[in-house]
Every structure is written in C-alpha cells, then in structure tokens.
PDB file of N, CA and C in Angstrom:
ATOM      1  N   MET A   1     -39.813  36.260  44.209  1.00  0.00           N
ATOM      2  CA  MET A   1     -39.149  35.414  44.873  1.00  0.00           C
ATOM      3  C   MET A   1     -39.806  33.787  44.634  1.00  0.00           C
ATOM      4  N   ALA A   2     -39.488  32.622  43.754  1.00  0.00           N
ATOM      5  CA  ALA A   2     -39.665  31.556  43.736  1.00  0.00           C
ATOM      6  C   ALA A   2     -40.043  31.047  44.606  1.00  0.00           C
ATOM      7  N   PRO A   3     -41.052  29.727  45.269  1.00  0.00           N
ATOM      8  CA  PRO A   3     -41.100  29.320  46.256  1.00  0.00           C
ATOM      9  C   PRO A   3     -40.347  27.794  45.816  1.00  0.00           C
ATOM     10  N   GLY A   4     -39.386  27.646  47.258  1.00  0.00           N
ATOM     11  CA  GLY A   4     -38.976  26.412  47.370  1.00  0.00           C
ATOM     12  C   GLY A   4     -39.332  24.892  46.844  1.00  0.00           C
ATOM     13  N   ILE A   5     -38.740  24.398  46.557  1.00  0.00           N
ATOM     14  CA  ILE A   5     -39.289  23.220  45.902  1.00  0.00           C
ATOM     15  C   ILE A   5     -38.387  22.318  46.816  1.00  0.00           C
ATOM     16  N   ALA A   6     -38.366  21.012  47.503  1.00  0.00           N
ATOM     17  CA  ALA A   6     -37.161  19.891  47.847  1.00  0.00           C
ATOM     18  C   ALA A   6     -37.613  19.032  46.917  1.00  0.00           C
ATOM     19  N   VAL A   7     -36.547  18.425  46.385  1.00  0.00           N
ATOM     20  CA  VAL A   7     -36.784  17.231  44.916  1.00  0.00           C
ATOM     21  C   VAL A   7     -35.411  16.482  46.065  1.00  0.00           C
ATOM     22  N   GLU A   8     -36.051  15.567  45.968  1.00  0.00           N
ATOM     23  CA  GLU A   8     -35.162  14.111  46.394  1.00  0.00           C
ATOM     24  C   GLU A   8     -33.844  13.481  45.458  1.00  0.00           C
ATOM     25  N   ALA A   9     -33.206  13.256  45.659  1.00  0.00           N
ATOM     26  CA  ALA A   9     -32.128  12.964  44.648  1.00  0.00           C
ATOM     27  C   ALA A   9     -32.594  10.983  44.392  1.00  0.00           C
ATOM     28  N   PRO A  10     -32.888  10.849  42.668  1.00  0.00           N
ATOM     29  CA  PRO A  10     -33.146   9.423  42.507  1.00  0.00           C
ATOM     30  C   PRO A  10     -31.917   8.417  43.213  1.00  0.00           C
ATOM     31  N   ARG A  11     -32.586   7.227  43.895  1.00  0.00           N
ATOM     32  CA  ARG A  11     -32.023   6.306  45.203  1.00  0.00           C
ATOM     33  C   ARG A  11     -30.184   5.842  43.766  1.00  0.00           C
ATOM     34  N   HIS A  12     -30.097   6.244  42.728  1.00  0.00           N
ATOM     35  CA  HIS A  12     -29.139   5.458  42.187  1.00  0.00           C
ATOM     36  C   HIS A  12     -28.086   6.740  42.568  1.00  0.00           C
ATOM     37  N   HIS A  13     -28.303   7.700  42.331  1.00  0.00           N
ATOM     38  CA  HIS A  13     -27.729   9.096  42.671  1.00  0.00           C
ATOM     39  C   HIS A  13     -27.150   8.948  44.274  1.00  0.00           C
ATOM     40  N   ARG A  14     -27.778   8.504  44.817  1.00  0.00           N
ATOM     41  CA  ARG A  14     -27.705   8.690  46.247  1.00  0.00           C
ATOM     42  C   ARG A  14     -26.586   7.695  46.648  1.00  0.00           C
ATOM     43  N   ASN A  15     -26.672   6.176  45.791  1.00  0.00           N
ATOM     44  CA  ASN A  15     -26.109   4.882  46.250  1.00  0.00           C
ATOM     45  C   ASN A  15     -24.481   5.394  45.332  1.00  0.00           C
ATOM     46  N   ILE A  16     -24.297   6.156  44.544  1.00  0.00           N
ATOM     47  CA  ILE A  16     -22.895   6.895  44.274  1.00  0.00           C
ATOM     48  C   ILE A  16     -22.219   6.991  45.402  1.00  0.00           C
ATOM     49  N   LEU A  17     -22.501   8.303  45.455  1.00  0.00           N
ATOM     50  CA  LEU A  17     -21.913   9.083  46.874  1.00  0.00           C
ATOM     51  C   LEU A  17     -21.763   8.178  48.007  1.00  0.00           C
ATOM     52  N   GLY A  18     -23.049   7.388  48.951  1.00  0.00           N
ATOM     53  CA  GLY A  18     -22.695   6.869  50.071  1.00  0.00           C
ATOM     54  C   GLY A  18     -23.072   5.378  49.553  1.00  0.00           C
ATOM     55  N   GLY A  19     -23.762   4.453  49.047  1.00  0.00           N
ATOM     56  CA  GLY A  19     -23.919   3.066  48.524  1.00  0.00           C
ATOM     57  C   GLY A  19     -24.732   3.282  50.514  1.00  0.00           C
ATOM     58  N   LYS A  20     -25.124   2.525  50.276  1.00  0.00           N
ATOM     59  CA  LYS A  20     -26.355   1.323  51.550  1.00  0.00           C
ATOM     60  C   LYS A  20     -25.522   1.943  52.426  1.00  0.00           C
ATOM     61  N   GLY A  21     -26.403   2.376  53.398  1.00  0.00           N
ATOM     62  CA  GLY A  21     -26.166   2.575  54.709  1.00  0.00           C
ATOM     63  C   GLY A  21     -24.988   3.343  55.489  1.00  0.00           C
ATOM     64  N   ALA A  22     -24.664   3.884  54.456  1.00  0.00           N
ATOM     65  CA  ALA A  22     -23.166   5.223  54.540  1.00  0.00           C
ATOM     66  C   ALA A  22     -23.860   6.237  55.304  1.00  0.00           C
ATOM     67  N   GLY A  23     -23.492   6.854  55.912  1.00  0.00           N
ATOM     68  CA  GLY A  23     -24.238   8.331  56.381  1.00  0.00           C
ATOM     69  C   GLY A  23     -23.284   9.020  55.323  1.00  0.00           C
ATOM     70  N   PRO A  24     -24.316  10.894  55.332  1.00  0.00           N
ATOM     71  CA  PRO A  24     -23.860  11.809  54.216  1.00  0.00           C
ATOM     72  C   PRO A  24     -22.301  11.968  54.658  1.00  0.00           C
ATOM     73  N   GLU A  25     -21.889  12.110  55.704  1.00  0.00           N
ATOM     74  CA  GLU A  25     -20.201  12.242  56.331  1.00  0.00           C
ATOM     75  C   GLU A  25     -19.332  11.829  55.498  1.00  0.00           C
ATOM     76  N   GLU A  26     -19.547  10.001  55.491  1.00  0.00           N
ATOM     77  CA  GLU A  26     -18.758   8.842  55.171  1.00  0.00           C
ATOM     78  C   GLU A  26     -18.965   9.075  53.527  1.00  0.00           C
ATOM     79  N   ALA A  27     -19.713   9.292  52.918  1.00  0.00           N
ATOM     80  CA  ALA A  27     -19.600   9.257  51.457  1.00  0.00           C
ATOM     81  C   ALA A  27     -19.202  10.872  50.921  1.00  0.00           C
ATOM     82  N   LEU A  28     -19.215  11.377  51.440  1.00  0.00           N
ATOM     83  CA  LEU A  28     -18.657  13.022  51.521  1.00  0.00           C
ATOM     84  C   LEU A  28     -16.897  12.645  51.173  1.00  0.00           C
ATOM     85  N   ARG A  29     -16.607  12.218  52.270  1.00  0.00           N
ATOM     86  CA  ARG A  29     -15.369  11.671  52.911  1.00  0.00           C
ATOM     87  C   ARG A  29     -14.793  11.104  52.144  1.00  0.00           C
ATOM     88  N   ARG A  30     -15.657   9.498  51.672  1.00  0.00           N
ATOM     89  CA  ARG A  30     -14.812   9.199  50.578  1.00  0.00           C
ATOM     90  C   ARG A  30     -14.733  10.014  48.768  1.00  0.00           C
ATOM     91  N   ARG A  31     -15.906  10.700  48.792  1.00  0.00           N
ATOM     92  CA  ARG A  31     -15.585  10.984  47.265  1.00  0.00           C
ATOM     93  C   ARG A  31     -14.595  12.240  47.321  1.00  0.00           C
ATOM     94  N   ASN A  32     -14.709  12.842  48.597  1.00  0.00           N
ATOM     95  CA  ASN A  32     -13.107  13.852  48.779  1.00  0.00           C
ATOM     96  C   ASN A  32     -11.861  13.077  48.489  1.00  0.00           C
ATOM     97  N   ASP A  33     -12.154  12.126  49.257  1.00  0.00           N
ATOM     98  CA  ASP A  33     -10.404  11.178  48.821  1.00  0.00           C
ATOM     99  C   ASP A  33     -10.400  10.439  47.378  1.00  0.00           C
ATOM    100  N   GLU A  34     -11.597  10.349  46.546  1.00  0.00           N
ATOM    101  CA  GLU A  34     -11.379  10.482  45.187  1.00  0.00           C
ATOM    102  C   GLU A  34     -11.211  11.387  44.667  1.00  0.00           C
ATOM    103  N   LEU A  35     -11.249  12.193  44.696  1.00  0.00           N
ATOM    104  CA  LEU A  35     -11.329  13.993  44.648  1.00  0.00           C
ATOM    105  C   LEU A  35      -9.824  13.951  44.208  1.00  0.00           C
ATOM    106  N   GLU A  36      -9.355  13.574  45.330  1.00  0.00           N
ATOM    107  CA  GLU A  36      -8.125  13.966  46.261  1.00  0.00           C
ATOM    108  C   GLU A  36      -6.942  13.184  44.975  1.00  0.00           C
ATOM    109  N   ARG A  37      -7.757  11.865  45.607  1.00  0.00           N
ATOM    110  CA  ARG A  37      -6.630  10.695  44.394  1.00  0.00           C
ATOM    111  C   ARG A  37      -6.266  11.916  42.552  1.00  0.00           C
ATOM    112  N   GLU A  38      -7.705  11.438  42.009  1.00  0.00           N
ATOM    113  CA  GLU A  38      -7.638  12.613  41.084  1.00  0.00           C
ATOM    114  C   GLU A  38      -6.532  13.670  40.760  1.00  0.00           C
ATOM    115  N   LEU A  39      -6.487  14.587  41.681  1.00  0.00           N
ATOM    116  CA  LEU A  39      -5.871  15.877  41.353  1.00  0.00           C
ATOM    117  C   LEU A  39      -4.340  15.261  41.600  1.00  0.00           C
ATOM    118  N   ARG A  40      -4.310  14.449  42.325  1.00  0.00           N
ATOM    119  CA  ARG A  40      -3.080  13.807  42.742  1.00  0.00           C
ATOM    120  C   ARG A  40      -2.068  13.620  40.942  1.00  0.00           C
ATOM    121  N   ARG A  41      -3.122  12.244  40.949  1.00  0.00           N
ATOM    122  CA  ARG A  41      -3.255  12.368  39.296  1.00  0.00           C
ATOM    123  C   ARG A  41      -2.705  13.257  38.492  1.00  0.00           C
ATOM    124  N   SER A  42      -3.244  14.016  38.469  1.00  0.00           N
ATOM    125  CA  SER A  42      -3.395  15.190  36.913  1.00  0.00           C
ATOM    126  C   SER A  42      -2.554  15.611  37.495  1.00  0.00           C
ATOM    127  N   ALA A  43      -1.891  16.568  38.981  1.00  0.00           N
ATOM    128  CA  ALA A  43      -0.859  17.100  39.132  1.00  0.00           C
ATOM    129  C   ALA A  43       0.706  16.398  38.677  1.00  0.00           C
ATOM    130  N   GLU A  44       0.489  15.150  38.799  1.00  0.00           N
ATOM    131  CA  GLU A  44       1.686  14.337  38.290  1.00  0.00           C
ATOM    132  C   GLU A  44       1.624  14.194  37.051  1.00  0.00           C
ATOM    133  N   ARG A  45       0.654  14.379  36.064  1.00  0.00           N
ATOM    134  CA  ARG A  45       0.590  14.549  34.773  1.00  0.00           C
ATOM    135  C   ARG A  45       1.037  15.455  34.027  1.00  0.00           C
ATOM    136  N   GLU A  46       0.572  16.423  34.825  1.00  0.00           N
ATOM    137  CA  GLU A  46       1.007  18.020  34.581  1.00  0.00           C
ATOM    138  C   GLU A  46       2.711  18.238  34.716  1.00  0.00           C
ATOM    139  N   GLU A  47       2.869  17.623  35.892  1.00  0.00           N
ATOM    140  CA  GLU A  47       4.916  17.294  36.466  1.00  0.00           C
ATOM    141  C   GLU A  47       5.070  16.973  34.927  1.00  0.00           C
ATOM    142  N   ARG A  48       4.770  15.584  34.705  1.00  0.00           N
ATOM    143  CA  ARG A  48       5.514  14.780  33.471  1.00  0.00           C
ATOM    144  C   ARG A  48       5.335  16.018  32.578  1.00  0.00           C
ATOM    145  N   MET A  49       4.039  16.530  32.024  1.00  0.00           N
ATOM    146  CA  MET A  49       4.269  17.518  30.467  1.00  0.00           C
ATOM    147  C   MET A  49       5.164  18.034  30.768  1.00  0.00           C
ATOM    148  N   ARG A  50       5.483  19.162  31.771  1.00  0.00           N
ATOM    149  CA  ARG A  50       6.311  20.281  32.026  1.00  0.00           C
ATOM    150  C   ARG A  50       7.864  19.768  31.492  1.00  0.00           C
ATOM    151  N   GLU A  51       8.212  18.926  32.070  1.00  0.00           N
ATOM    152  CA  GLU A  51       9.094  18.267  31.979  1.00  0.00           C
ATOM    153  C   GLU A  51       9.573  17.255  30.418  1.00  0.00           C
ATOM    154  N   GLU A  52       8.761  17.457  29.771  1.00  0.00           N
ATOM    155  CA  GLU A  52       9.075  16.749  28.575  1.00  0.00           C
ATOM    156  C   GLU A  52       8.674  18.185  27.601  1.00  0.00           C
ATOM    157  N   LEU A  53       8.043  18.975  28.084  1.00  0.00           N
ATOM    158  CA  LEU A  53       8.094  20.353  27.418  1.00  0.00           C
ATOM    159  C   LEU A  53       9.201  20.739  27.924  1.00  0.00           C
ATOM    160  N   GLU A  54      10.347  21.051  28.544  1.00  0.00           N
ATOM    161  CA  GLU A  54      11.718  21.586  28.870  1.00  0.00           C
ATOM    162  C   GLU A  54      12.291  20.399  28.116  1.00  0.00           C
ATOM    163  N   LYS A  55      11.961  19.208  27.990  1.00  0.00           N
ATOM    164  CA  LYS A  55      13.640  18.440  26.903  1.00  0.00           C
ATOM    165  C   LYS A  55      13.103  18.499  25.735  1.00  0.00           C
ATOM    166  N   THR A  56      11.780  19.364  25.330  1.00  0.00           N
ATOM    167  CA  THR A  56      11.656  19.383  23.676  1.00  0.00           C
ATOM    168  C   THR A  56      11.902  20.629  23.326  1.00  0.00           C
ATOM    169  N   ARG A  57      12.299  21.933  24.731  1.00  0.00           N
ATOM    170  CA  ARG A  57      12.733  23.376  23.897  1.00  0.00           C
ATOM    171  C   ARG A  57      13.911  22.739  24.137  1.00  0.00           C
ATOM    172  N   GLU A  58      14.435  22.143  25.040  1.00  0.00           N
ATOM    173  CA  GLU A  58      16.338  22.204  24.993  1.00  0.00           C
ATOM    174  C   GLU A  58      16.518  21.288  23.372  1.00  0.00           C
ATOM    175  N   ARG A  59      15.742  20.605  22.984  1.00  0.00           N
ATOM    176  CA  ARG A  59      16.062  19.897  21.985  1.00  0.00           C
ATOM    177  C   ARG A  59      15.466  20.849  20.873  1.00  0.00           C
ATOM    178  N   LEU A  60      14.763  21.836  20.668  1.00  0.00           N
ATOM    179  CA  LEU A  60      14.706  22.605  19.453  1.00  0.00           C
ATOM    180  C   LEU A  60      16.128  23.834  19.750  1.00  0.00           C
ATOM    181  N   ARG A  61      16.433  24.416  20.989  1.00  0.00           N
ATOM    182  CA  ARG A  61      17.437  24.926  21.292  1.00  0.00           C
ATOM    183  C   ARG A  61      19.295  23.959  20.461  1.00  0.00           C
ATOM    184  N   VAL A  62      18.736  22.994  20.361  1.00  0.00           N
ATOM    185  CA  VAL A  62      20.096  22.362  20.146  1.00  0.00           C
ATOM    186  C   VAL A  62      20.128  22.397  18.720  1.00  0.00           C
ATOM    187  N   VAL A  63      18.175  21.826  17.910  1.00  0.00           N
ATOM    188  CA  VAL A  63      18.591  22.180  16.826  1.00  0.00           C
ATOM    189  C   VAL A  63      18.730  23.330  16.161  1.00  0.00           C
ATOM    190  N   GLU A  64      18.139  24.718  16.707  1.00  0.00           N
ATOM    191  CA  GLU A  64      18.545  26.225  15.930  1.00  0.00           C
ATOM    192  C   GLU A  64      19.708  26.211  15.989  1.00  0.00           C
ATOM    193  N   ASP A  65      20.318  26.367  17.364  1.00  0.00           N
ATOM    194  CA  ASP A  65      22.063  25.974  17.083  1.00  0.00           C
ATOM    195  C   ASP A  65      23.044  25.478  16.107  1.00  0.00           C
ATOM    196  N   ALA A  66      22.513  24.054  15.697  1.00  0.00           N
ATOM    197  CA  ALA A  66      22.587  23.744  14.675  1.00  0.00           C
ATOM    198  C   ALA A  66      22.399  24.178  13.571  1.00  0.00           C
ATOM    199  N   GLU A  67      21.499  24.640  13.089  1.00  0.00           N
ATOM    200  CA  GLU A  67      20.908  25.470  12.066  1.00  0.00           C
ATOM    201  C   GLU A  67      21.528  26.147  11.778  1.00  0.00           C
ATOM    202  N   GLU A  68      21.791  26.931  12.714  1.00  0.00           N
ATOM    203  CA  GLU A  68      22.958  28.563  12.588  1.00  0.00           C
ATOM    204  C   GLU A  68      24.319  28.009  11.767  1.00  0.00           C
ATOM    205  N   ARG A  69      24.727  27.539  13.095  1.00  0.00           N
ATOM    206  CA  ARG A  69      26.144  26.624  12.344  1.00  0.00           C
ATOM    207  C   ARG A  69      26.275  26.195  10.819  1.00  0.00           C
ATOM    208  N   LEU A  70      24.792  25.170  10.375  1.00  0.00           N
ATOM    209  CA  LEU A  70      25.230  24.981   8.770  1.00  0.00           C
ATOM    210  C   LEU A  70      25.209  26.101   8.236  1.00  0.00           C
ATOM    211  N   CYS A  71      23.855  26.947   8.395  1.00  0.00           N
ATOM    212  CA  CYS A  71      23.831  28.023   7.338  1.00  0.00           C
ATOM    213  C   CYS A  71      24.822  28.898   7.194  1.00  0.00           C
ATOM    214  N   TYR A  72      25.833  29.276   8.215  1.00  0.00           N
ATOM    215  CA  TYR A  72      27.176  29.700   8.498  1.00  0.00           C
ATOM    216  C   TYR A  72      27.911  28.633   7.353  1.00  0.00           C
ATOM    217  N   GLN A  73      28.417  27.595   7.626  1.00  0.00           N
ATOM    218  CA  GLN A  73      29.109  26.832   7.163  1.00  0.00           C
ATOM    219  C   GLN A  73      28.458  27.244   5.321  1.00  0.00           C
ATOM    220  N   LEU A  74      27.667  27.128   5.298  1.00  0.00           N
ATOM    221  CA  LEU A  74      26.958  27.314   4.115  1.00  0.00           C
ATOM    222  C   LEU A  74      27.283  28.170   3.445  1.00  0.00           C
ATOM    223  N   GLY A  75      26.878  29.259   3.737  1.00  0.00           N
ATOM    224  CA  GLY A  75      27.492  31.011   3.298  1.00  0.00           C
ATOM    225  C   GLY A  75      29.090  30.203   3.229  1.00  0.00           C
ATOM    226  N   GLU A  76      30.031  30.184   3.787  1.00  0.00           N
ATOM    227  CA  GLU A  76      31.327  29.958   4.229  1.00  0.00           C
ATOM    228  C   GLU A  76      31.591  29.684   2.293  1.00  0.00           C
ATOM    229  N   LEU A  77      31.062  28.472   2.183  1.00  0.00           N
ATOM    230  CA  LEU A  77      31.136  27.702   1.174  1.00  0.00           C
ATOM    231  C   LEU A  77      30.551  28.262  -0.260  1.00  0.00           C
ATOM    232  N   GLU A  78      29.721  28.522  -0.006  1.00  0.00           N
ATOM    233  CA  GLU A  78      29.067  29.311  -1.373  1.00  0.00           C
ATOM    234  C   GLU A  78      30.082  30.658  -1.976  1.00  0.00           C
ATOM    235  N   ALA A  79      30.435  31.204  -0.647  1.00  0.00           N
ATOM    236  CA  ALA A  79      31.713  32.037  -1.100  1.00  0.00           C
ATOM    237  C   ALA A  79      33.174  31.801  -1.289  1.00  0.00           C
ATOM    238  N   GLU A  80      32.934  30.526  -1.136  1.00  0.00           N
ATOM    239  CA  GLU A  80      34.648  29.516  -1.049  1.00  0.00           C
ATOM    240  C   GLU A  80      34.400  29.156  -2.961  1.00  0.00           C
ATOM    241  N   ALA A  81      33.062  28.650  -3.176  1.00  0.00           N
ATOM    242  CA  ALA A  81      32.647  28.436  -4.759  1.00  0.00           C
ATOM    243  C   ALA A  81      32.938  29.384  -5.604  1.00  0.00           C
ATOM    244  N   VAL A  82      32.271  30.870  -5.507  1.00  0.00           N
ATOM    245  CA  VAL A  82      32.594  32.047  -5.985  1.00  0.00           C
ATOM    246  C   VAL A  82      34.234  32.468  -6.629  1.00  0.00           C
ATOM    247  N   ASP A  83      34.843  32.357  -5.572  1.00  0.00           N
ATOM    248  CA  ASP A  83      35.927  32.534  -5.443  1.00  0.00           C
ATOM    249  C   ASP A  83      36.231  31.675  -6.546  1.00  0.00           C
ATOM    250  N   GLN A  84      36.153  30.254  -6.027  1.00  0.00           N
ATOM    251  CA  GLN A  84      36.566  29.256  -7.155  1.00  0.00           C
ATOM    252  C   GLN A  84      36.371  29.598  -8.562  1.00  0.00           C
ATOM    253  N   ALA A  85      34.971  29.716  -8.713  1.00  0.00           N
ATOM    254  CA  ALA A  85      34.731  29.828 -10.000  1.00  0.00           C
ATOM    255  C   ALA A  85      35.645  31.131 -10.827  1.00  0.00           C
ATOM    256  N   ARG A  86      36.012  32.435 -10.008  1.00  0.00           N
ATOM    257  CA  ARG A  86      36.342  33.448 -10.329  1.00  0.00           C
ATOM    258  C   ARG A  86      37.655  32.976 -10.825  1.00  0.00           C
ATOM    259  N   GLU A  87      38.719  32.783 -10.073  1.00  0.00           N
ATOM    260  CA  GLU A  87      40.075  31.867 -10.787  1.00  0.00           C
ATOM    261  C   GLU A  87      40.201  31.102 -11.540  1.00  0.00           C
ATOM    262  N   TYR A  88      38.998  30.183 -11.653  1.00  0.00           N
ATOM    263  CA  TYR A  88      38.963  29.289 -12.766  1.00  0.00           C
ATOM    264  C   TYR A  88      37.959  30.124 -14.228  1.00  0.00           C
ATOM    265  N   HIS A  89      37.521  30.861 -14.342  1.00  0.00           N
ATOM    266  CA  HIS A  89      37.330  32.308 -15.146  1.00  0.00           C
ATOM    267  C   HIS A  89      38.460  32.836 -15.626  1.00  0.00           C
ATOM    268  N   SER A  90      39.316  33.285 -15.108  1.00  0.00           N
ATOM    269  CA  SER A  90      40.325  33.972 -14.574  1.00  0.00           C
ATOM    270  C   SER A  90      41.382  33.024 -15.716  1.00  0.00           C
ATOM    271  N   GLN A  91      41.314  31.598 -15.188  1.00  0.00           N
ATOM    272  CA  GLN A  91      42.416  30.811 -15.874  1.00  0.00           C
ATOM    273  C   GLN A  91      41.997  30.614 -17.308  1.00  0.00           C
ATOM    274  N   ILE A  92      41.061  30.292 -17.107  1.00  0.00           N
ATOM    275  CA  ILE A  92      40.722  29.529 -18.615  1.00  0.00           C
ATOM    276  C   ILE A  92      40.655  31.047 -19.442  1.00  0.00           C
ATOM    277  N   ARG A  93      40.371  32.446 -19.126  1.00  0.00           N
ATOM    278  CA  ARG A  93      40.990  33.869 -20.019  1.00  0.00           C
ATOM    279  C   ARG A  93      42.292  34.094 -20.310  1.00  0.00           C
ATOM    280  N   ALA A  94      43.331  33.690 -19.286  1.00  0.00           N
ATOM    281  CA  ALA A  94      44.596  33.882 -19.614  1.00  0.00           C
ATOM    282  C   ALA A  94      44.842  32.390 -20.995  1.00  0.00           C
ATOM    283  N   LEU A  95      44.126  31.639 -20.721  1.00  0.00           N
ATOM    284  CA  LEU A  95      44.567  30.254 -21.703  1.00  0.00           C
ATOM    285  C   LEU A  95      44.637  30.780 -22.938  1.00  0.00           C
ATOM    286  N   MET A  96      42.723  31.350 -22.443  1.00  0.00           N
ATOM    287  CA  MET A  96      42.163  31.657 -24.243  1.00  0.00           C
ATOM    288  C   MET A  96      43.098  32.792 -25.342  1.00  0.00           C
ATOM    289  N   GLU A  97      43.623  33.294 -23.902  1.00  0.00           N
ATOM    290  CA  GLU A  97      44.458  34.958 -24.239  1.00  0.00           C
ATOM    291  C   GLU A  97      46.134  33.964 -25.091  1.00  0.00           C
ATOM    292  N   GLN A  98      46.946  33.220 -24.284  1.00  0.00           N
ATOM    293  CA  GLN A  98      47.331  32.213 -24.843  1.00  0.00           C
ATOM    294  C   GLN A  98      47.189  31.366 -26.273  1.00  0.00           C
ATOM    295  N   LEU A  99      46.534  30.895 -26.117  1.00  0.00           N
ATOM    296  CA  LEU A  99      46.232  30.255 -27.518  1.00  0.00           C
ATOM    297  C   LEU A  99      45.962  31.288 -28.535  1.00  0.00           C
ATOM    298  N   ALA A 100      45.136  32.264 -28.310  1.00  0.00           N
ATOM    299  CA  ALA A 100      45.031  33.035 -29.342  1.00  0.00           C
ATOM    300  C   ALA A 100      46.838  33.990 -30.083  1.00  0.00           C
ATOM    301  N   ALA A 101      47.651  34.529 -29.218  1.00  0.00           N
ATOM    302  CA  ALA A 101      48.541  34.602 -29.118  1.00  0.00           C
ATOM    303  C   ALA A 101      49.304  33.586 -29.979  1.00  0.00           C
ATOM    304  N   ALA A 102      49.328  32.341 -29.729  1.00  0.00           N
ATOM    305  CA  ALA A 102      50.414  31.508 -30.110  1.00  0.00           C
ATOM    306  C   ALA A 102      49.617  30.995 -32.065  1.00  0.00           C
ATOM    307  N   GLN A 103      48.611  31.157 -31.761  1.00  0.00           N
ATOM    308  CA  GLN A 103      47.937  31.325 -33.210  1.00  0.00           C
ATOM    309  C   GLN A 103      48.454  32.703 -34.417  1.00  0.00           C
ATOM    310  N   MET A 104      48.358  33.320 -33.700  1.00  0.00           N
ATOM    311  CA  MET A 104      48.851  34.261 -34.649  1.00  0.00           C
ATOM    312  C   MET A 104      50.381  34.369 -34.916  1.00  0.00           C
ATOM    313  N   ARG A 105      51.301  33.613 -34.352  1.00  0.00           N
ATOM    314  CA  ARG A 105      52.113  33.755 -34.308  1.00  0.00           C
ATOM    315  C   ARG A 105      52.946  32.559 -35.511  1.00  0.00           C
ATOM    316  N   LEU A 106      51.437  31.624 -35.480  1.00  0.00           N
ATOM    317  CA  LEU A 106      51.775  30.582 -36.479  1.00  0.00           C
ATOM    318  C   LEU A 106      51.218  30.958 -38.063  1.00  0.00           C
TER     319      LEU A 106
END
C-alpha cells in the first residue's frame, strides 16, 4: 500500500468553494445550493424537451394520417383514370369501326 500524502488545494480552489473567511460547511452549503439550482434548471429543460417531443410526435401522427389519406385518394384517382382511358379507347374503336363501315358503303 502506498503511503498517503496530504496535498493542500491551491488557494484559488479554496476561494471558489468557500470564499475568504467562510467555513467549509458554508462553502459546501453554497455549492450544494448552486448544484440544486442547476439540477432544477436541468429538470425544467428536460420537461420542456419532453413536451416538445410529444408535440412533434403528435404532428408526425397527423402528417402520417394525411399521407395515408392522400395515398388512398391517389389510388382512387388512378383507378378512375384507368377506367376513363379504357372507356375512351372503347369509344375510339367504335367510332373507327363506324367510319370503316361508312367508307365501305361509299
């Protein structure tokens, strides 16, 4: 086991904790208060981030629902367009047959 060596903290480190003339208990109390304030601020930031995340999730759900509805509508429109194209093609054939028959009569 290595022998223990006591090393005194530099004067500026002691001043950070306790200031001049303050006892170690007071320095620890102030440091504790400072850490508690930082913890509260951190918890508040975390809560705000949670709320923002929840809002973002809700917006995402709305967007996904809208995307699903649009895809369904697009599918319906494509099916309608195919039906109209088939009907149009059928009409063209019927007209071509009528024209051919009229030309044969002439």
